Amino acid sequence: MSHTHIDDDGKHVAEIESRLRALAAGYGEAGSSDDFDELFVVIHRPGWTTPQELEFMGILIEAAERSVAEALAIRAALVQTARTIGAASAVSV
Protein backbone atom coordinates (compact mmCIF):
# COMPACT_ATOMS: atom_id res chain seq x y z
CA MET A 1 0.00 0.00 0.00
CA SER A 2 1.42 3.36 -0.96
CA HIS A 3 1.21 6.31 1.36
CA THR A 4 0.95 9.55 -0.55
CA HIS A 5 1.51 12.74 1.41
CA ILE A 6 -0.86 15.61 0.65
CA ASP A 7 1.28 18.67 0.04
CA ASP A 8 -1.07 21.63 0.50
CA ASP A 9 0.58 23.39 3.44
CA GLY A 10 -1.80 21.69 5.87
CA LYS A 11 -4.99 23.06 4.29
CA HIS A 12 -6.61 19.62 4.36
CA VAL A 13 -5.87 19.31 8.08
CA ALA A 14 -7.21 22.82 8.74
CA GLU A 15 -10.41 21.96 6.86
CA ILE A 16 -10.89 18.72 8.82
CA GLU A 17 -10.20 20.55 12.09
CA SER A 18 -12.68 23.30 11.21
CA ARG A 19 -15.37 20.79 10.38
CA LEU A 20 -14.67 18.75 13.53
CA ARG A 21 -14.88 21.91 15.69
CA ALA A 22 -18.24 22.76 14.11
CA LEU A 23 -19.38 19.19 14.71
CA ALA A 24 -18.24 19.35 18.34
CA ALA A 25 -20.16 22.61 18.78
CA GLY A 26 -23.23 20.89 17.33
CA TYR A 27 -22.89 18.05 19.81
CA GLY A 28 -22.63 20.62 22.61
CA GLU A 29 -25.64 22.56 21.36
CA ALA A 30 -27.62 19.34 21.07
CA GLY A 31 -26.97 18.75 24.77
CA SER A 32 -28.32 22.14 25.81
CA SER A 33 -31.12 21.75 28.31
CA ASP A 34 -33.05 24.98 27.60
CA ASP A 35 -35.63 23.33 25.34
CA PHE A 36 -35.95 20.37 27.68
CA ASP A 37 -36.50 22.68 30.65
CA GLU A 38 -39.49 24.12 28.78
CA LEU A 39 -40.76 20.65 27.87
CA PHE A 40 -40.64 19.57 31.52
CA VAL A 41 -42.84 22.53 32.45
CA VAL A 42 -45.30 22.09 29.59
CA ILE A 43 -45.90 18.34 30.02
CA HIS A 44 -46.92 18.82 33.66
CA ARG A 45 -49.72 21.26 32.88
CA PRO A 46 -53.21 19.85 33.50
CA GLY A 47 -54.95 18.59 30.38
CA TRP A 48 -51.73 18.87 28.43
CA THR A 49 -52.47 16.20 25.84
CA THR A 50 -54.90 13.67 24.42
CA PRO A 51 -54.09 9.97 24.01
CA GLN A 52 -53.41 10.57 20.28
CA GLU A 53 -51.05 13.47 21.03
CA LEU A 54 -49.33 11.35 23.68
CA GLU A 55 -48.74 8.62 21.09
CA PHE A 56 -47.35 11.18 18.64
CA MET A 57 -45.00 12.58 21.30
CA GLY A 58 -43.86 9.05 22.10
CA ILE A 59 -42.99 8.49 18.43
CA LEU A 60 -41.03 11.77 18.31
CA ILE A 61 -39.16 10.92 21.51
CA GLU A 62 -38.28 7.48 20.14
CA ALA A 63 -36.95 9.02 16.91
CA ALA A 64 -34.87 11.51 18.93
CA GLU A 65 -33.49 8.69 21.10
CA ARG A 66 -32.41 6.77 17.98
CA SER A 67 -30.81 9.90 16.53
CA VAL A 68 -28.82 10.51 19.72
CA ALA A 69 -27.65 6.88 19.79
CA GLU A 70 -26.58 7.12 16.14
CA ALA A 71 -24.78 10.43 16.73
CA LEU A 72 -22.86 8.95 19.66
CA ALA A 73 -21.92 5.87 17.63
CA ILE A 74 -20.71 8.06 14.76
CA ARG A 75 -18.64 10.18 17.14
CA ALA A 76 -17.04 7.03 18.58
CA ALA A 77 -16.31 5.80 15.04
CA LEU A 78 -14.68 9.14 14.15
CA VAL A 79 -12.39 8.94 17.18
CA GLN A 80 -11.52 5.27 16.63
CA THR A 81 -10.83 5.83 12.94
CA ALA A 82 -8.57 8.79 13.68
CA ARG A 83 -6.68 6.70 16.26
CA THR A 84 -6.27 3.84 13.78
CA ILE A 85 -5.04 6.18 11.04
CA GLY A 86 -2.70 7.89 13.50
CA ALA A 87 -1.23 4.59 14.68
CA ALA A 88 -0.71 3.40 11.09
CA SER A 89 0.87 6.72 10.11
CA ALA A 90 3.27 6.65 13.07
CA VAL A 91 4.53 3.18 12.07
CA SER A 92 5.04 4.08 8.40
CA VAL A 93 6.94 7.33 9.00
C-alpha atoms as a PDB file:
ATOM      1  CA  MET A   1       0.000   0.000   0.000  1.00  0.00           C
ATOM      2  CA  SER A   2       1.418   3.357  -0.962  1.00  0.00           C
ATOM      3  CA  HIS A   3       1.206   6.307   1.360  1.00  0.00           C
ATOM      4  CA  THR A   4       0.954   9.554  -0.548  1.00  0.00           C
ATOM      5  CA  HIS A   5       1.509  12.737   1.410  1.00  0.00           C
ATOM      6  CA  ILE A   6      -0.863  15.610   0.652  1.00  0.00           C
ATOM      7  CA  ASP A   7       1.277  18.672   0.044  1.00  0.00           C
ATOM      8  CA  ASP A   8      -1.067  21.630   0.496  1.00  0.00           C
ATOM      9  CA  ASP A   9       0.583  23.393   3.441  1.00  0.00           C
ATOM     10  CA  GLY A  10      -1.796  21.691   5.869  1.00  0.00           C
ATOM     11  CA  LYS A  11      -4.988  23.062   4.291  1.00  0.00           C
ATOM     12  CA  HIS A  12      -6.611  19.620   4.365  1.00  0.00           C
ATOM     13  CA  VAL A  13      -5.870  19.314   8.084  1.00  0.00           C
ATOM     14  CA  ALA A  14      -7.208  22.817   8.738  1.00  0.00           C
ATOM     15  CA  GLU A  15     -10.415  21.958   6.862  1.00  0.00           C
ATOM     16  CA  ILE A  16     -10.890  18.719   8.816  1.00  0.00           C
ATOM     17  CA  GLU A  17     -10.201  20.550  12.090  1.00  0.00           C
ATOM     18  CA  SER A  18     -12.678  23.302  11.212  1.00  0.00           C
ATOM     19  CA  ARG A  19     -15.370  20.788  10.379  1.00  0.00           C
ATOM     20  CA  LEU A  20     -14.674  18.754  13.531  1.00  0.00           C
ATOM     21  CA  ARG A  21     -14.875  21.909  15.688  1.00  0.00           C
ATOM     22  CA  ALA A  22     -18.244  22.765  14.108  1.00  0.00           C
ATOM     23  CA  LEU A  23     -19.381  19.193  14.713  1.00  0.00           C
ATOM     24  CA  ALA A  24     -18.237  19.352  18.339  1.00  0.00           C
ATOM     25  CA  ALA A  25     -20.160  22.605  18.780  1.00  0.00           C
ATOM     26  CA  GLY A  26     -23.234  20.895  17.325  1.00  0.00           C
ATOM     27  CA  TYR A  27     -22.892  18.047  19.815  1.00  0.00           C
ATOM     28  CA  GLY A  28     -22.630  20.621  22.609  1.00  0.00           C
ATOM     29  CA  GLU A  29     -25.636  22.562  21.361  1.00  0.00           C
ATOM     30  CA  ALA A  30     -27.618  19.340  21.069  1.00  0.00           C
ATOM     31  CA  GLY A  31     -26.968  18.748  24.769  1.00  0.00           C
ATOM     32  CA  SER A  32     -28.324  22.142  25.806  1.00  0.00           C
ATOM     33  CA  SER A  33     -31.124  21.753  28.312  1.00  0.00           C
ATOM     34  CA  ASP A  34     -33.048  24.983  27.600  1.00  0.00           C
ATOM     35  CA  ASP A  35     -35.626  23.329  25.344  1.00  0.00           C
ATOM     36  CA  PHE A  36     -35.953  20.368  27.677  1.00  0.00           C
ATOM     37  CA  ASP A  37     -36.504  22.676  30.646  1.00  0.00           C
ATOM     38  CA  GLU A  38     -39.485  24.117  28.783  1.00  0.00           C
ATOM     39  CA  LEU A  39     -40.762  20.648  27.870  1.00  0.00           C
ATOM     40  CA  PHE A  40     -40.641  19.568  31.521  1.00  0.00           C
ATOM     41  CA  VAL A  41     -42.838  22.529  32.455  1.00  0.00           C
ATOM     42  CA  VAL A  42     -45.297  22.092  29.587  1.00  0.00           C
ATOM     43  CA  ILE A  43     -45.899  18.341  30.019  1.00  0.00           C
ATOM     44  CA  HIS A  44     -46.920  18.817  33.658  1.00  0.00           C
ATOM     45  CA  ARG A  45     -49.719  21.258  32.882  1.00  0.00           C
ATOM     46  CA  PRO A  46     -53.209  19.849  33.504  1.00  0.00           C
ATOM     47  CA  GLY A  47     -54.951  18.588  30.381  1.00  0.00           C
ATOM     48  CA  TRP A  48     -51.735  18.873  28.430  1.00  0.00           C
ATOM     49  CA  THR A  49     -52.469  16.196  25.844  1.00  0.00           C
ATOM     50  CA  THR A  50     -54.902  13.672  24.416  1.00  0.00           C
ATOM     51  CA  PRO A  51     -54.093   9.967  24.007  1.00  0.00           C
ATOM     52  CA  GLN A  52     -53.410  10.574  20.283  1.00  0.00           C
ATOM     53  CA  GLU A  53     -51.054  13.465  21.034  1.00  0.00           C
ATOM     54  CA  LEU A  54     -49.333  11.353  23.685  1.00  0.00           C
ATOM     55  CA  GLU A  55     -48.735   8.619  21.087  1.00  0.00           C
ATOM     56  CA  PHE A  56     -47.352  11.180  18.637  1.00  0.00           C
ATOM     57  CA  MET A  57     -45.003  12.582  21.302  1.00  0.00           C
ATOM     58  CA  GLY A  58     -43.860   9.050  22.097  1.00  0.00           C
ATOM     59  CA  ILE A  59     -42.993   8.495  18.428  1.00  0.00           C
ATOM     60  CA  LEU A  60     -41.035  11.766  18.306  1.00  0.00           C
ATOM     61  CA  ILE A  61     -39.159  10.925  21.508  1.00  0.00           C
ATOM     62  CA  GLU A  62     -38.276   7.477  20.141  1.00  0.00           C
ATOM     63  CA  ALA A  63     -36.954   9.021  16.913  1.00  0.00           C
ATOM     64  CA  ALA A  64     -34.866  11.510  18.932  1.00  0.00           C
ATOM     65  CA  GLU A  65     -33.492   8.688  21.104  1.00  0.00           C
ATOM     66  CA  ARG A  66     -32.413   6.772  17.981  1.00  0.00           C
ATOM     67  CA  SER A  67     -30.811   9.904  16.533  1.00  0.00           C
ATOM     68  CA  VAL A  68     -28.820  10.508  19.718  1.00  0.00           C
ATOM     69  CA  ALA A  69     -27.652   6.881  19.794  1.00  0.00           C
ATOM     70  CA  GLU A  70     -26.581   7.123  16.139  1.00  0.00           C
ATOM     71  CA  ALA A  71     -24.777  10.428  16.726  1.00  0.00           C
ATOM     72  CA  LEU A  72     -22.856   8.951  19.664  1.00  0.00           C
ATOM     73  CA  ALA A  73     -21.918   5.870  17.627  1.00  0.00           C
ATOM     74  CA  ILE A  74     -20.711   8.063  14.759  1.00  0.00           C
ATOM     75  CA  ARG A  75     -18.638  10.182  17.136  1.00  0.00           C
ATOM     76  CA  ALA A  76     -17.041   7.033  18.577  1.00  0.00           C
ATOM     77  CA  ALA A  77     -16.309   5.801  15.043  1.00  0.00           C
ATOM     78  CA  LEU A  78     -14.681   9.139  14.148  1.00  0.00           C
ATOM     79  CA  VAL A  79     -12.392   8.937  17.176  1.00  0.00           C
ATOM     80  CA  GLN A  80     -11.515   5.267  16.635  1.00  0.00           C
ATOM     81  CA  THR A  81     -10.834   5.830  12.937  1.00  0.00           C
ATOM     82  CA  ALA A  82      -8.573   8.790  13.678  1.00  0.00           C
ATOM     83  CA  ARG A  83      -6.682   6.696  16.262  1.00  0.00           C
ATOM     84  CA  THR A  84      -6.267   3.845  13.781  1.00  0.00           C
ATOM     85  CA  ILE A  85      -5.038   6.175  11.038  1.00  0.00           C
ATOM     86  CA  GLY A  86      -2.703   7.891  13.503  1.00  0.00           C
ATOM     87  CA  ALA A  87      -1.233   4.589  14.676  1.00  0.00           C
ATOM     88  CA  ALA A  88      -0.711   3.400  11.093  1.00  0.00           C
ATOM     89  CA  SER A  89       0.875   6.724  10.114  1.00  0.00           C
ATOM     90  CA  ALA A  90       3.266   6.645  13.070  1.00  0.00           C
ATOM     91  CA  VAL A  91       4.525   3.180  12.066  1.00  0.00           C
ATOM     92  CA  SER A  92       5.041   4.076   8.402  1.00  0.00           C
ATOM     93  CA  VAL A  93       6.944   7.326   8.999  1.00  0.00           C
END
